[in-house]
């Protein structure tokens, strides 16, 4: 897990004064105050990258530290514990985080964290606007008071594929020739994943209104092809079990839901690549538009479905 989340290429501080690291974090990651134990020595470390609207940060203070803040105001903090342990104190409850756990801090939540001497964290700073734009694009209803996460700590293995996504984001952030457009796509994918994998106060469109027919489900898929669509998500929207969803697709189409979704995404991409009037800046951007973050697998799937690489389809349009 450690090697995937920001390498030494992103190093800003090594064996530094914890207060210097804290000052840098205040500028780039979020406002806070630190209280150091007497045993803390000047050996704090920090790796940092700006990534579109996100900030990625890997931090250790080299000693026991208490981090406090009244509230983060306009950002969410996602924190993954890599080493050591961390005590989170919230209203009327607290939780001891251990490696492999994730903490999600809402903008209006007070921050009160105590790091162990060997504690190391990966922190993702996510502006409110990112999640609001995801909700607006998918036509999800969000309360006037704002998007909030109802449950604030998870085991990483509860969030299918999310650690891998964070790893790809970090790898892309350290690319020698970063593309802002690619970073923006990844940012939207991160926001979509968080809102679908975690418990929130948003209300997603319910396919069951008026009956969850196969036609309604296919229409929903067609209107949301650029989103992260899993069998579990579709079953939840349609108010049916995943087993019932699979039976519905098998009887009606002879394929699984995920196979159908992949076919439709590839078909939409093929149409765009074949149409001279469809703007294609790069194959990478187009693939990311439809959630294909593994570009090698995307090319292989496209070739299997259309008998040629996507680059060949694009060349023929001219």
C-alpha atoms as a PDB file:
ATOM      1  CA  UNK A   1       0.000   0.000   0.000  1.00  0.00           C
ATOM      2  CA  UNK A   2       2.795   2.440   0.904  1.00  0.00           C
ATOM      3  CA  UNK A   3       4.500   2.394  -2.488  1.00  0.00           C
ATOM      4  CA  UNK A   4       1.373   3.397  -4.403  1.00  0.00           C
ATOM      5  CA  UNK A   5       0.616   6.642  -2.589  1.00  0.00           C
ATOM      6  CA  UNK A   6       3.196   9.319  -3.550  1.00  0.00           C
ATOM      7  CA  UNK A   7       6.837   8.376  -3.974  1.00  0.00           C
ATOM      8  CA  UNK A   8       9.951  10.294  -2.977  1.00  0.00           C
ATOM      9  CA  UNK A   9       9.657  12.198  -6.275  1.00  0.00           C
ATOM     10  CA  UNK A  10       7.022  14.293  -4.502  1.00  0.00           C
ATOM     11  CA  UNK A  11       9.177  14.997  -1.438  1.00  0.00           C
ATOM     12  CA  UNK A  12       9.001  18.525  -0.009  1.00  0.00           C
ATOM     13  CA  UNK A  13      10.437  17.944   3.501  1.00  0.00           C
ATOM     14  CA  UNK A  14      12.661  15.201   4.919  1.00  0.00           C
ATOM     15  CA  UNK A  15      13.747  15.120   8.597  1.00  0.00           C
ATOM     16  CA  UNK A  16      12.430  18.650   9.011  1.00  0.00           C
ATOM     17  CA  UNK A  17      11.061  20.794  11.823  1.00  0.00           C
ATOM     18  CA  UNK A  18       7.427  19.678  12.447  1.00  0.00           C
ATOM     19  CA  UNK A  19       6.352  23.326  12.670  1.00  0.00           C
ATOM     20  CA  UNK A  20       7.764  24.017   9.193  1.00  0.00           C
ATOM     21  CA  UNK A  21       5.819  21.066   7.832  1.00  0.00           C
ATOM     22  CA  UNK A  22       2.687  22.255   9.643  1.00  0.00           C
ATOM     23  CA  UNK A  23       3.040  25.743   8.120  1.00  0.00           C
ATOM     24  CA  UNK A  24       3.259  24.209   4.638  1.00  0.00           C
ATOM     25  CA  UNK A  25       0.183  22.047   5.291  1.00  0.00           C
ATOM     26  CA  UNK A  26      -1.734  25.137   6.401  1.00  0.00           C
ATOM     27  CA  UNK A  27      -0.993  26.762   3.054  1.00  0.00           C
ATOM     28  CA  UNK A  28      -1.818  23.817   0.801  1.00  0.00           C
ATOM     29  CA  UNK A  29      -3.857  21.125   2.565  1.00  0.00           C
ATOM     30  CA  UNK A  30      -5.974  22.616   5.369  1.00  0.00           C
ATOM     31  CA  UNK A  31      -5.912  24.962   8.348  1.00  0.00           C
ATOM     32  CA  UNK A  32      -4.949  23.348  11.664  1.00  0.00           C
ATOM     33  CA  UNK A  33      -2.855  23.696  14.812  1.00  0.00           C
ATOM     34  CA  UNK A  34      -0.378  21.145  16.159  1.00  0.00           C
ATOM     35  CA  UNK A  35       0.638  20.298  19.683  1.00  0.00           C
ATOM     36  CA  UNK A  36       3.906  18.364  19.991  1.00  0.00           C
ATOM     37  CA  UNK A  37       4.982  15.962  22.675  1.00  0.00           C
ATOM     38  CA  UNK A  38       8.291  16.706  24.357  1.00  0.00           C
ATOM     39  CA  UNK A  39       9.868  13.663  22.710  1.00  0.00           C
ATOM     40  CA  UNK A  40       9.136  14.905  19.176  1.00  0.00           C
ATOM     41  CA  UNK A  41      12.325  15.651  17.271  1.00  0.00           C
ATOM     42  CA  UNK A  42      12.913  17.556  13.989  1.00  0.00           C
ATOM     43  CA  UNK A  43      12.298  14.604  11.678  1.00  0.00           C
ATOM     44  CA  UNK A  44       8.959  15.369  10.060  1.00  0.00           C
ATOM     45  CA  UNK A  45       8.506  14.414   6.398  1.00  0.00           C
ATOM     46  CA  UNK A  46       6.039  15.485   3.744  1.00  0.00           C
ATOM     47  CA  UNK A  47       5.371  14.598   0.104  1.00  0.00           C
ATOM     48  CA  UNK A  48       2.890  16.794  -1.781  1.00  0.00           C
ATOM     49  CA  UNK A  49       1.382  17.192  -5.239  1.00  0.00           C
ATOM     50  CA  UNK A  50      -1.287  19.492  -6.628  1.00  0.00           C
ATOM     51  CA  UNK A  51      -3.632  17.495  -8.890  1.00  0.00           C
ATOM     52  CA  UNK A  52      -6.271  19.558 -10.743  1.00  0.00           C
ATOM     53  CA  UNK A  53      -8.590  20.671  -7.918  1.00  0.00           C
ATOM     54  CA  UNK A  54      -7.177  18.111  -5.473  1.00  0.00           C
ATOM     55  CA  UNK A  55      -4.170  18.156  -3.166  1.00  0.00           C
ATOM     56  CA  UNK A  56      -2.330  14.912  -2.426  1.00  0.00           C
ATOM     57  CA  UNK A  57      -0.224  14.740   0.707  1.00  0.00           C
ATOM     58  CA  UNK A  58       1.803  12.067   2.518  1.00  0.00           C
ATOM     59  CA  UNK A  59       2.881  13.160   5.974  1.00  0.00           C
ATOM     60  CA  UNK A  60       4.610  11.996   9.146  1.00  0.00           C
ATOM     61  CA  UNK A  61       5.629  14.235  12.063  1.00  0.00           C
ATOM     62  CA  UNK A  62       8.279  11.989  13.592  1.00  0.00           C
ATOM     63  CA  UNK A  63       6.682  12.054  17.015  1.00  0.00           C
ATOM     64  CA  UNK A  64       3.402  12.139  18.874  1.00  0.00           C
ATOM     65  CA  UNK A  65       1.344  15.111  17.633  1.00  0.00           C
ATOM     66  CA  UNK A  66      -2.165  16.382  18.335  1.00  0.00           C
ATOM     67  CA  UNK A  67      -3.791  18.085  15.334  1.00  0.00           C
ATOM     68  CA  UNK A  68      -6.854  20.287  15.905  1.00  0.00           C
ATOM     69  CA  UNK A  69      -9.058  22.615  13.858  1.00  0.00           C
ATOM     70  CA  UNK A  70     -12.534  24.112  14.446  1.00  0.00           C
ATOM     71  CA  UNK A  71     -13.615  22.983  10.945  1.00  0.00           C
ATOM     72  CA  UNK A  72     -12.234  22.612   7.418  1.00  0.00           C
ATOM     73  CA  UNK A  73     -14.967  24.986   6.099  1.00  0.00           C
ATOM     74  CA  UNK A  74     -14.981  24.369   2.335  1.00  0.00           C
ATOM     75  CA  UNK A  75     -13.037  21.126   1.867  1.00  0.00           C
ATOM     76  CA  UNK A  76     -13.298  17.431   2.647  1.00  0.00           C
ATOM     77  CA  UNK A  77     -10.314  15.559   4.046  1.00  0.00           C
ATOM     78  CA  UNK A  78      -9.852  11.898   3.184  1.00  0.00           C
ATOM     79  CA  UNK A  79      -7.109  10.355   5.316  1.00  0.00           C
ATOM     80  CA  UNK A  80      -5.629   6.875   4.854  1.00  0.00           C
ATOM     81  CA  UNK A  81      -3.498   5.524   7.703  1.00  0.00           C
ATOM     82  CA  UNK A  82      -0.303   3.947   6.345  1.00  0.00           C
ATOM     83  CA  UNK A  83       1.685   3.293   9.547  1.00  0.00           C
ATOM     84  CA  UNK A  84       1.260   3.597  13.292  1.00  0.00           C
ATOM     85  CA  UNK A  85      -2.100   4.573  14.749  1.00  0.00           C
ATOM     86  CA  UNK A  86      -4.253   7.662  15.110  1.00  0.00           C
ATOM     87  CA  UNK A  87      -6.965   8.568  17.610  1.00  0.00           C
ATOM     88  CA  UNK A  88      -9.892  10.510  16.154  1.00  0.00           C
ATOM     89  CA  UNK A  89     -12.163  12.308  18.614  1.00  0.00           C
ATOM     90  CA  UNK A  90     -15.622  13.357  17.482  1.00  0.00           C
ATOM     91  CA  UNK A  91     -18.830  14.523  19.176  1.00  0.00           C
ATOM     92  CA  UNK A  92     -19.685  11.889  21.789  1.00  0.00           C
ATOM     93  CA  UNK A  93     -17.490   9.246  20.152  1.00  0.00           C
ATOM     94  CA  UNK A  94     -13.944   8.410  19.172  1.00  0.00           C
ATOM     95  CA  UNK A  95     -12.161   5.854  17.021  1.00  0.00           C
ATOM     96  CA  UNK A  96      -8.632   4.423  16.928  1.00  0.00           C
ATOM     97  CA  UNK A  97      -7.497   4.209  13.306  1.00  0.00           C
ATOM     98  CA  UNK A  98      -5.019   1.511  12.308  1.00  0.00           C
ATOM     99  CA  UNK A  99      -3.191   0.921   8.992  1.00  0.00           C
ATOM    100  CA  UNK A 100      -5.627   0.073   6.214  1.00  0.00           C
ATOM    101  CA  UNK A 101      -8.387   2.317   7.579  1.00  0.00           C
ATOM    102  CA  UNK A 102      -9.755   5.498   6.050  1.00  0.00           C
ATOM    103  CA  UNK A 103     -11.163   8.580   7.788  1.00  0.00           C
ATOM    104  CA  UNK A 104     -13.453  11.065   6.001  1.00  0.00           C
ATOM    105  CA  UNK A 105     -13.746  14.520   7.599  1.00  0.00           C
ATOM    106  CA  UNK A 106     -16.672  16.719   6.489  1.00  0.00           C
ATOM    107  CA  UNK A 107     -16.156  20.508   6.032  1.00  0.00           C
ATOM    108  CA  UNK A 108     -18.092  21.407   9.192  1.00  0.00           C
ATOM    109  CA  UNK A 109     -16.605  18.649  11.388  1.00  0.00           C
ATOM    110  CA  UNK A 110     -14.192  19.764  14.108  1.00  0.00           C
ATOM    111  CA  UNK A 111     -10.796  18.104  13.761  1.00  0.00           C
ATOM    112  CA  UNK A 112      -9.173  16.454  16.778  1.00  0.00           C
ATOM    113  CA  UNK A 113      -6.538  13.838  15.932  1.00  0.00           C
ATOM    114  CA  UNK A 114      -3.636  12.431  17.919  1.00  0.00           C
ATOM    115  CA  UNK A 115      -0.854  10.772  15.903  1.00  0.00           C
ATOM    116  CA  UNK A 116       1.374   8.073  17.366  1.00  0.00           C
ATOM    117  CA  UNK A 117       5.137   8.607  17.101  1.00  0.00           C
ATOM    118  CA  UNK A 118       5.370   6.299  14.055  1.00  0.00           C
ATOM    119  CA  UNK A 119       2.157   7.536  12.417  1.00  0.00           C
ATOM    120  CA  UNK A 120       2.213   8.188   8.656  1.00  0.00           C
ATOM    121  CA  UNK A 121      -0.828   9.252   6.630  1.00  0.00           C
ATOM    122  CA  UNK A 122      -1.925   9.868   3.088  1.00  0.00           C
ATOM    123  CA  UNK A 123      -4.309  12.847   2.891  1.00  0.00           C
ATOM    124  CA  UNK A 124      -6.527  13.829  -0.024  1.00  0.00           C
ATOM    125  CA  UNK A 125      -7.946  17.370   0.036  1.00  0.00           C
ATOM    126  CA  UNK A 126     -11.198  17.520  -1.897  1.00  0.00           C
ATOM    127  CA  UNK A 127     -13.041  20.843  -2.420  1.00  0.00           C
ATOM    128  CA  UNK A 128     -16.804  20.890  -1.927  1.00  0.00           C
ATOM    129  CA  UNK A 129     -17.277  22.017  -5.540  1.00  0.00           C
ATOM    130  CA  UNK A 130     -15.937  18.710  -6.899  1.00  0.00           C
ATOM    131  CA  UNK A 131     -18.654  16.639  -5.226  1.00  0.00           C
ATOM    132  CA  UNK A 132     -21.338  19.184  -6.074  1.00  0.00           C
ATOM    133  CA  UNK A 133     -20.398  19.049  -9.758  1.00  0.00           C
ATOM    134  CA  UNK A 134     -20.596  15.233  -9.714  1.00  0.00           C
ATOM    135  CA  UNK A 135     -24.085  15.425  -8.182  1.00  0.00           C
ATOM    136  CA  UNK A 136     -25.204  18.016 -10.742  1.00  0.00           C
ATOM    137  CA  UNK A 137     -23.850  16.015 -13.685  1.00  0.00           C
ATOM    138  CA  UNK A 138     -25.596  12.831 -12.534  1.00  0.00           C
ATOM    139  CA  UNK A 139     -28.752  14.689 -11.491  1.00  0.00           C
ATOM    140  CA  UNK A 140     -28.507  13.514  -7.902  1.00  0.00           C
ATOM    141  CA  UNK A 141     -30.378  15.575  -5.337  1.00  0.00           C
ATOM    142  CA  UNK A 142     -28.189  17.181  -2.676  1.00  0.00           C
ATOM    143  CA  UNK A 143     -29.521  18.991   0.400  1.00  0.00           C
ATOM    144  CA  UNK A 144     -29.361  22.773   0.470  1.00  0.00           C
ATOM    145  CA  UNK A 145     -27.058  22.432   3.483  1.00  0.00           C
ATOM    146  CA  UNK A 146     -24.505  20.641   1.291  1.00  0.00           C
ATOM    147  CA  UNK A 147     -23.098  17.169   0.605  1.00  0.00           C
ATOM    148  CA  UNK A 148     -22.067  15.313   3.751  1.00  0.00           C
ATOM    149  CA  UNK A 149     -20.750  11.826   4.487  1.00  0.00           C
ATOM    150  CA  UNK A 150     -22.903  10.079   7.097  1.00  0.00           C
ATOM    151  CA  UNK A 151     -20.310   7.470   8.040  1.00  0.00           C
ATOM    152  CA  UNK A 152     -16.784   8.761   8.475  1.00  0.00           C
ATOM    153  CA  UNK A 153     -14.451   5.757   8.783  1.00  0.00           C
ATOM    154  CA  UNK A 154     -14.047   2.616   6.669  1.00  0.00           C
ATOM    155  CA  UNK A 155     -11.782  -0.338   6.113  1.00  0.00           C
ATOM    156  CA  UNK A 156     -10.171   0.124   2.697  1.00  0.00           C
ATOM    157  CA  UNK A 157     -11.255  -3.361   1.646  1.00  0.00           C
ATOM    158  CA  UNK A 158     -14.884  -2.217   2.073  1.00  0.00           C
ATOM    159  CA  UNK A 159     -14.363   0.277  -0.773  1.00  0.00           C
ATOM    160  CA  UNK A 160     -13.874  -1.899  -3.822  1.00  0.00           C
ATOM    161  CA  UNK A 161     -11.152  -0.600  -6.130  1.00  0.00           C
ATOM    162  CA  UNK A 162     -10.711   2.714  -4.322  1.00  0.00           C
ATOM    163  CA  UNK A 163      -7.132   2.157  -3.145  1.00  0.00           C
ATOM    164  CA  UNK A 164      -6.153   1.226  -6.693  1.00  0.00           C
ATOM    165  CA  UNK A 165      -7.758   4.432  -7.949  1.00  0.00           C
ATOM    166  CA  UNK A 166      -5.803   6.504  -5.412  1.00  0.00           C
ATOM    167  CA  UNK A 167      -2.642   4.752  -6.569  1.00  0.00           C
ATOM    168  CA  UNK A 168      -3.327   5.664 -10.195  1.00  0.00           C
ATOM    169  CA  UNK A 169      -4.057   9.266  -9.220  1.00  0.00           C
ATOM    170  CA  UNK A 170      -0.734   9.483  -7.376  1.00  0.00           C
ATOM    171  CA  UNK A 171       1.110   7.914 -10.300  1.00  0.00           C
ATOM    172  CA  UNK A 172      -0.490  10.373 -12.714  1.00  0.00           C
ATOM    173  CA  UNK A 173       0.380  13.285 -10.398  1.00  0.00           C
ATOM    174  CA  UNK A 174       4.060  12.356 -10.687  1.00  0.00           C
ATOM    175  CA  UNK A 175       4.050  12.028 -14.481  1.00  0.00           C
ATOM    176  CA  UNK A 176       6.847  13.923 -16.189  1.00  0.00           C
ATOM    177  CA  UNK A 177       4.431  15.613 -18.600  1.00  0.00           C
ATOM    178  CA  UNK A 178       1.123  16.002 -16.693  1.00  0.00           C
ATOM    179  CA  UNK A 179      -2.069  16.795 -18.614  1.00  0.00           C
ATOM    180  CA  UNK A 180      -4.599  18.951 -16.781  1.00  0.00           C
ATOM    181  CA  UNK A 181      -7.488  17.447 -18.752  1.00  0.00           C
ATOM    182  CA  UNK A 182      -6.504  13.933 -17.657  1.00  0.00           C
ATOM    183  CA  UNK A 183      -6.191  15.114 -14.057  1.00  0.00           C
ATOM    184  CA  UNK A 184      -9.669  16.652 -14.246  1.00  0.00           C
ATOM    185  CA  UNK A 185     -11.106  13.324 -15.446  1.00  0.00           C
ATOM    186  CA  UNK A 186      -9.471  11.457 -12.579  1.00  0.00           C
ATOM    187  CA  UNK A 187     -10.805  14.062 -10.138  1.00  0.00           C
ATOM    188  CA  UNK A 188     -14.376  13.463 -11.328  1.00  0.00           C
ATOM    189  CA  UNK A 189     -13.881   9.706 -11.064  1.00  0.00           C
ATOM    190  CA  UNK A 190     -12.609  10.072  -7.483  1.00  0.00           C
ATOM    191  CA  UNK A 191     -15.648  12.193  -6.575  1.00  0.00           C
ATOM    192  CA  UNK A 192     -18.062   9.730  -8.213  1.00  0.00           C
ATOM    193  CA  UNK A 193     -16.441   6.776  -6.453  1.00  0.00           C
ATOM    194  CA  UNK A 194     -16.666   8.427  -3.042  1.00  0.00           C
ATOM    195  CA  UNK A 195     -20.341   9.263  -3.479  1.00  0.00           C
ATOM    196  CA  UNK A 196     -21.276   5.764  -4.660  1.00  0.00           C
ATOM    197  CA  UNK A 197     -19.101   3.727  -2.286  1.00  0.00           C
ATOM    198  CA  UNK A 198     -19.731   5.673   0.946  1.00  0.00           C
ATOM    199  CA  UNK A 199     -22.863   6.589   2.894  1.00  0.00           C
ATOM    200  CA  UNK A 200     -23.928  10.170   2.157  1.00  0.00           C
ATOM    201  CA  UNK A 201     -26.945  12.453   2.517  1.00  0.00           C
ATOM    202  CA  UNK A 202     -27.533  12.743  -1.245  1.00  0.00           C
ATOM    203  CA  UNK A 203     -30.508  11.156  -2.992  1.00  0.00           C
ATOM    204  CA  UNK A 204     -29.692   9.300  -6.191  1.00  0.00           C
ATOM    205  CA  UNK A 205     -32.229   8.764  -8.961  1.00  0.00           C
ATOM    206  CA  UNK A 206     -34.445   5.757  -8.245  1.00  0.00           C
ATOM    207  CA  UNK A 207     -35.109   3.479 -11.204  1.00  0.00           C
ATOM    208  CA  UNK A 208     -37.882   1.693  -9.359  1.00  0.00           C
ATOM    209  CA  UNK A 209     -40.324   4.591  -9.796  1.00  0.00           C
ATOM    210  CA  UNK A 210     -42.887   3.309 -12.264  1.00  0.00           C
ATOM    211  CA  UNK A 211     -41.385  -0.203 -12.320  1.00  0.00           C
ATOM    212  CA  UNK A 212     -37.803  -1.316 -12.859  1.00  0.00           C
ATOM    213  CA  UNK A 213     -38.210  -2.720 -16.376  1.00  0.00           C
ATOM    214  CA  UNK A 214     -35.163  -3.689 -18.406  1.00  0.00           C
ATOM    215  CA  UNK A 215     -35.933  -0.797 -20.760  1.00  0.00           C
ATOM    216  CA  UNK A 216     -35.789   1.733 -17.906  1.00  0.00           C
ATOM    217  CA  UNK A 217     -32.497   0.309 -16.675  1.00  0.00           C
ATOM    218  CA  UNK A 218     -30.998   0.423 -20.187  1.00  0.00           C
ATOM    219  CA  UNK A 219     -32.155   4.014 -20.569  1.00  0.00           C
ATOM    220  CA  UNK A 220     -30.534   4.901 -17.239  1.00  0.00           C
ATOM    221  CA  UNK A 221     -27.278   3.281 -18.376  1.00  0.00           C
ATOM    222  CA  UNK A 222     -27.374   5.160 -21.685  1.00  0.00           C
ATOM    223  CA  UNK A 223     -27.822   8.505 -19.916  1.00  0.00           C
ATOM    224  CA  UNK A 224     -25.014   7.785 -17.442  1.00  0.00           C
ATOM    225  CA  UNK A 225     -22.379   6.061 -19.565  1.00  0.00           C
ATOM    226  CA  UNK A 226     -19.666   8.466 -18.408  1.00  0.00           C
ATOM    227  CA  UNK A 227     -20.294   7.549 -14.773  1.00  0.00           C
ATOM    228  CA  UNK A 228     -19.064   4.677 -12.623  1.00  0.00           C
ATOM    229  CA  UNK A 229     -21.796   2.054 -13.112  1.00  0.00           C
ATOM    230  CA  UNK A 230     -21.508  -1.189 -11.169  1.00  0.00           C
ATOM    231  CA  UNK A 231     -24.017  -4.041 -10.881  1.00  0.00           C
ATOM    232  CA  UNK A 232     -24.445  -3.152  -7.211  1.00  0.00           C
ATOM    233  CA  UNK A 233     -25.194   0.479  -8.066  1.00  0.00           C
ATOM    234  CA  UNK A 234     -27.803  -0.505 -10.698  1.00  0.00           C
ATOM    235  CA  UNK A 235     -29.431  -3.008  -8.354  1.00  0.00           C
ATOM    236  CA  UNK A 236     -29.629  -0.389  -5.616  1.00  0.00           C
ATOM    237  CA  UNK A 237     -31.167   2.154  -7.982  1.00  0.00           C
ATOM    238  CA  UNK A 238     -33.683  -0.420  -9.257  1.00  0.00           C
ATOM    239  CA  UNK A 239     -34.528  -1.641  -5.727  1.00  0.00           C
ATOM    240  CA  UNK A 240     -33.752  -5.260  -6.572  1.00  0.00           C
ATOM    241  CA  UNK A 241     -31.086  -7.753  -5.609  1.00  0.00           C
ATOM    242  CA  UNK A 242     -27.977  -8.142  -7.756  1.00  0.00           C
ATOM    243  CA  UNK A 243     -29.079 -11.706  -8.472  1.00  0.00           C
ATOM    244  CA  UNK A 244     -32.408 -10.443  -9.861  1.00  0.00           C
ATOM    245  CA  UNK A 245     -30.573  -7.860 -11.950  1.00  0.00           C
ATOM    246  CA  UNK A 246     -28.306 -10.541 -13.447  1.00  0.00           C
ATOM    247  CA  UNK A 247     -31.329 -12.741 -14.235  1.00  0.00           C
ATOM    248  CA  UNK A 248     -33.066  -9.785 -15.916  1.00  0.00           C
ATOM    249  CA  UNK A 249     -30.069  -9.111 -18.161  1.00  0.00           C
ATOM    250  CA  UNK A 250     -29.419 -12.773 -18.910  1.00  0.00           C
ATOM    251  CA  UNK A 251     -33.002 -13.375 -19.992  1.00  0.00           C
ATOM    252  CA  UNK A 252     -33.391 -10.130 -21.908  1.00  0.00           C
ATOM    253  CA  UNK A 253     -29.946  -9.684 -23.485  1.00  0.00           C
ATOM    254  CA  UNK A 254     -27.939 -12.837 -22.853  1.00  0.00           C
ATOM    255  CA  UNK A 255     -25.104 -10.926 -21.169  1.00  0.00           C
ATOM    256  CA  UNK A 256     -24.190  -9.717 -17.684  1.00  0.00           C
ATOM    257  CA  UNK A 257     -24.876  -6.096 -16.662  1.00  0.00           C
ATOM    258  CA  UNK A 258     -21.166  -5.245 -16.592  1.00  0.00           C
ATOM    259  CA  UNK A 259     -20.585  -6.783 -20.030  1.00  0.00           C
ATOM    260  CA  UNK A 260     -23.454  -4.748 -21.449  1.00  0.00           C
ATOM    261  CA  UNK A 261     -22.186  -1.522 -19.841  1.00  0.00           C
ATOM    262  CA  UNK A 262     -18.697  -2.091 -21.255  1.00  0.00           C
ATOM    263  CA  UNK A 263     -20.168  -2.786 -24.721  1.00  0.00           C
ATOM    264  CA  UNK A 264     -22.175   0.445 -24.642  1.00  0.00           C
ATOM    265  CA  UNK A 265     -19.230   2.536 -23.454  1.00  0.00           C
ATOM    266  CA  UNK A 266     -17.057   1.116 -26.240  1.00  0.00           C
ATOM    267  CA  UNK A 267     -19.850   1.679 -28.775  1.00  0.00           C
ATOM    268  CA  UNK A 268     -20.149   5.338 -27.743  1.00  0.00           C
ATOM    269  CA  UNK A 269     -16.367   5.747 -28.074  1.00  0.00           C
ATOM    270  CA  UNK A 270     -16.375   3.979 -31.472  1.00  0.00           C
ATOM    271  CA  UNK A 271     -19.094   6.323 -32.723  1.00  0.00           C
ATOM    272  CA  UNK A 272     -17.087   9.351 -31.646  1.00  0.00           C
ATOM    273  CA  UNK A 273     -13.852   8.067 -33.179  1.00  0.00           C
ATOM    274  CA  UNK A 274     -15.645   7.366 -36.461  1.00  0.00           C
ATOM    275  CA  UNK A 275     -17.385  10.748 -36.663  1.00  0.00           C
ATOM    276  CA  UNK A 276     -15.257  13.581 -38.147  1.00  0.00           C
ATOM    277  CA  UNK A 277     -17.496  16.087 -36.349  1.00  0.00           C
ATOM    278  CA  UNK A 278     -16.792  14.602 -32.896  1.00  0.00           C
ATOM    279  CA  UNK A 279     -13.873  16.398 -31.237  1.00  0.00           C
ATOM    280  CA  UNK A 280     -11.163  14.019 -29.987  1.00  0.00           C
ATOM    281  CA  UNK A 281      -8.171  15.718 -28.379  1.00  0.00           C
ATOM    282  CA  UNK A 282      -6.554  12.411 -27.418  1.00  0.00           C
ATOM    283  CA  UNK A 283      -7.502   8.762 -27.053  1.00  0.00           C
ATOM    284  CA  UNK A 284      -6.489   8.911 -23.402  1.00  0.00           C
ATOM    285  CA  UNK A 285      -8.941  11.722 -22.638  1.00  0.00           C
ATOM    286  CA  UNK A 286     -11.764   9.963 -24.495  1.00  0.00           C
ATOM    287  CA  UNK A 287     -11.138   6.680 -22.665  1.00  0.00           C
ATOM    288  CA  UNK A 288     -11.088   8.443 -19.296  1.00  0.00           C
ATOM    289  CA  UNK A 289     -14.342  10.220 -20.194  1.00  0.00           C
ATOM    290  CA  UNK A 290     -16.006   6.815 -20.072  1.00  0.00           C
ATOM    291  CA  UNK A 291     -14.213   5.512 -16.997  1.00  0.00           C
ATOM    292  CA  UNK A 292     -11.509   3.397 -18.672  1.00  0.00           C
ATOM    293  CA  UNK A 293      -8.592   4.169 -16.364  1.00  0.00           C
ATOM    294  CA  UNK A 294      -6.574   1.088 -17.435  1.00  0.00           C
ATOM    295  CA  UNK A 295      -5.687   2.204 -20.956  1.00  0.00           C
ATOM    296  CA  UNK A 296      -4.100  -1.109 -21.963  1.00  0.00           C
ATOM    297  CA  UNK A 297      -7.263  -3.014 -21.036  1.00  0.00           C
ATOM    298  CA  UNK A 298      -9.347  -0.410 -22.851  1.00  0.00           C
ATOM    299  CA  UNK A 299      -7.423  -0.908 -26.101  1.00  0.00           C
ATOM    300  CA  UNK A 300      -7.645  -4.689 -25.778  1.00  0.00           C
ATOM    301  CA  UNK A 301     -11.418  -4.593 -25.147  1.00  0.00           C
ATOM    302  CA  UNK A 302     -11.942  -2.169 -28.038  1.00  0.00           C
ATOM    303  CA  UNK A 303      -9.949  -4.394 -30.391  1.00  0.00           C
ATOM    304  CA  UNK A 304     -11.902  -7.464 -29.308  1.00  0.00           C
ATOM    305  CA  UNK A 305     -15.205  -5.697 -30.016  1.00  0.00           C
ATOM    306  CA  UNK A 306     -14.270  -3.906 -33.263  1.00  0.00           C
ATOM    307  CA  UNK A 307     -11.342  -5.882 -34.647  1.00  0.00           C
ATOM    308  CA  UNK A 308      -8.927  -2.970 -34.570  1.00  0.00           C
ATOM    309  CA  UNK A 309      -7.226  -0.595 -32.175  1.00  0.00           C
ATOM    310  CA  UNK A 310      -8.968   2.709 -31.359  1.00  0.00           C
ATOM    311  CA  UNK A 311      -6.076   4.582 -32.984  1.00  0.00           C
ATOM    312  CA  UNK A 312      -6.839   2.795 -36.277  1.00  0.00           C
ATOM    313  CA  UNK A 313     -10.494   3.866 -36.136  1.00  0.00           C
ATOM    314  CA  UNK A 314      -9.413   7.448 -35.503  1.00  0.00           C
ATOM    315  CA  UNK A 315      -6.993   7.448 -38.456  1.00  0.00           C
ATOM    316  CA  UNK A 316      -9.669   6.230 -40.871  1.00  0.00           C
ATOM    317  CA  UNK A 317     -12.009   9.153 -40.149  1.00  0.00           C
ATOM    318  CA  UNK A 318      -9.759  11.614 -42.014  1.00  0.00           C
END
